[in-house]
Protein backbone atom coordinates (compact mmCIF):
# COMPACT_ATOMS: atom_id res chain seq x y z
CA UNK A 1 0.00 0.00 0.00
CA UNK A 2 1.07 3.59 -0.58
CA UNK A 3 0.58 4.37 3.11
CA UNK A 4 2.88 1.55 4.17
CA UNK A 5 5.55 2.71 1.72
CA UNK A 6 5.19 6.29 2.93
CA UNK A 7 5.58 5.22 6.56
CA UNK A 8 8.62 3.12 5.69
CA UNK A 9 10.20 5.99 3.75
CA UNK A 10 9.56 8.42 6.63
CA UNK A 11 11.18 5.94 9.05
CA UNK A 12 14.31 6.03 6.91
CA UNK A 13 14.31 9.85 6.88
CA UNK A 14 13.81 10.02 10.64
CA UNK A 15 16.67 7.57 11.19
CA UNK A 16 18.97 9.61 8.93
CA UNK A 17 18.19 12.79 10.87
CA UNK A 18 18.85 11.08 14.20
CA UNK A 19 22.16 9.71 12.91
CA UNK A 20 23.19 13.24 11.84
CA UNK A 21 22.28 14.74 15.21
CA UNK A 22 24.28 12.15 17.13
PDB file of N, CA and C in Angstrom:
ATOM      1  N   UNK A   1       0.833  -1.209   0.000  1.00  0.00           N
ATOM      2  CA  UNK A   1       0.000   0.000   0.000  1.00  0.00           C
ATOM      3  C   UNK A   1       0.870   1.263   0.000  1.00  0.00           C
ATOM      4  N   UNK A   2       0.324   2.320  -0.534  1.00  0.00           N
ATOM      5  CA  UNK A   2       1.065   3.586  -0.580  1.00  0.00           C
ATOM      6  C   UNK A   2       1.357   4.079   0.833  1.00  0.00           C
ATOM      7  N   UNK A   3       0.391   3.902   1.727  1.00  0.00           N
ATOM      8  CA  UNK A   3       0.576   4.370   3.105  1.00  0.00           C
ATOM      9  C   UNK A   3       1.732   3.645   3.772  1.00  0.00           C
ATOM     10  N   UNK A   4       1.801   2.340   3.561  1.00  0.00           N
ATOM     11  CA  UNK A   4       2.878   1.547   4.166  1.00  0.00           C
ATOM     12  C   UNK A   4       4.225   2.006   3.627  1.00  0.00           C
ATOM     13  N   UNK A   5       4.286   2.245   2.317  1.00  0.00           N
ATOM     14  CA  UNK A   5       5.550   2.705   1.720  1.00  0.00           C
ATOM     15  C   UNK A   5       5.929   4.063   2.274  1.00  0.00           C
ATOM     16  N   UNK A   6       4.937   4.940   2.421  1.00  0.00           N
ATOM     17  CA  UNK A   6       5.191   6.287   2.929  1.00  0.00           C
ATOM     18  C   UNK A   6       5.737   6.219   4.349  1.00  0.00           C
ATOM     19  N   UNK A   7       5.136   5.367   5.171  1.00  0.00           N
ATOM     20  CA  UNK A   7       5.578   5.222   6.559  1.00  0.00           C
ATOM     21  C   UNK A   7       6.995   4.677   6.597  1.00  0.00           C
ATOM     22  N   UNK A   8       7.281   3.718   5.730  1.00  0.00           N
ATOM     23  CA  UNK A   8       8.624   3.123   5.694  1.00  0.00           C
ATOM     24  C   UNK A   8       9.648   4.164   5.254  1.00  0.00           C
ATOM     25  N   UNK A   9       9.289   4.955   4.245  1.00  0.00           N
ATOM     26  CA  UNK A   9      10.196   5.991   3.754  1.00  0.00           C
ATOM     27  C   UNK A   9      10.453   7.022   4.847  1.00  0.00           C
ATOM     28  N   UNK A  10       9.400   7.433   5.567  1.00  0.00           N
ATOM     29  CA  UNK A  10       9.559   8.422   6.633  1.00  0.00           C
ATOM     30  C   UNK A  10      10.456   7.876   7.732  1.00  0.00           C
ATOM     31  N   UNK A  11      10.337   6.567   8.026  1.00  0.00           N
ATOM     32  CA  UNK A  11      11.177   5.941   9.055  1.00  0.00           C
ATOM     33  C   UNK A  11      12.643   6.084   8.660  1.00  0.00           C
ATOM     34  N   UNK A  12      12.936   5.904   7.387  1.00  0.00           N
ATOM     35  CA  UNK A  12      14.313   6.034   6.912  1.00  0.00           C
ATOM     36  C   UNK A  12      14.804   7.465   7.065  1.00  0.00           C
ATOM     37  N   UNK A  13      13.941   8.438   6.756  1.00  0.00           N
ATOM     38  CA  UNK A  13      14.310   9.852   6.884  1.00  0.00           C
ATOM     39  C   UNK A  13      14.567  10.188   8.346  1.00  0.00           C
ATOM     40  N   UNK A  14      13.670   9.740   9.213  1.00  0.00           N
ATOM     41  CA  UNK A  14      13.813  10.020  10.644  1.00  0.00           C
ATOM     42  C   UNK A  14      15.120   9.431  11.174  1.00  0.00           C
ATOM     43  N   UNK A  15      15.437   8.217  10.742  1.00  0.00           N
ATOM     44  CA  UNK A  15      16.673   7.567  11.195  1.00  0.00           C
ATOM     45  C   UNK A  15      17.887   8.371  10.721  1.00  0.00           C
ATOM     46  N   UNK A  16      17.843   8.840   9.466  1.00  0.00           N
ATOM     47  CA  UNK A  16      18.966   9.614   8.934  1.00  0.00           C
ATOM     48  C   UNK A  16      19.170  10.885   9.748  1.00  0.00           C
ATOM     49  N   UNK A  17      18.085  11.562  10.082  1.00  0.00           N
ATOM     50  CA  UNK A  17      18.193  12.793  10.866  1.00  0.00           C
ATOM     51  C   UNK A  17      18.776  12.505  12.237  1.00  0.00           C
ATOM     52  N   UNK A  18      18.327  11.437  12.875  1.00  0.00           N
ATOM     53  CA  UNK A  18      18.849  11.082  14.202  1.00  0.00           C
ATOM     54  C   UNK A  18      20.334  10.764  14.126  1.00  0.00           C
ATOM     55  N   UNK A  19      20.742  10.061  13.066  1.00  0.00           N
ATOM     56  CA  UNK A  19      22.164   9.713  12.910  1.00  0.00           C
ATOM     57  C   UNK A  19      22.996  10.985  12.750  1.00  0.00           C
ATOM     58  N   UNK A  20      22.457  11.980  12.043  1.00  0.00           N
ATOM     59  CA  UNK A  20      23.194  13.235  11.843  1.00  0.00           C
ATOM     60  C   UNK A  20      23.323  13.997  13.158  1.00  0.00           C
ATOM     61  N   UNK A  21      22.257  14.005  13.948  1.00  0.00           N
ATOM     62  CA  UNK A  21      22.285  14.745  15.213  1.00  0.00           C
ATOM     63  C   UNK A  21      23.271  14.129  16.189  1.00  0.00           C
ATOM     64  N   UNK A  22      23.399  12.815  16.162  1.00  0.00           N
ATOM     65  CA  UNK A  22      24.280  12.154  17.127  1.00  0.00           C
ATOM     66  C   UNK A  22      25.718  12.099  16.642  1.00  0.00           C
TER      67      UNK A  22
END
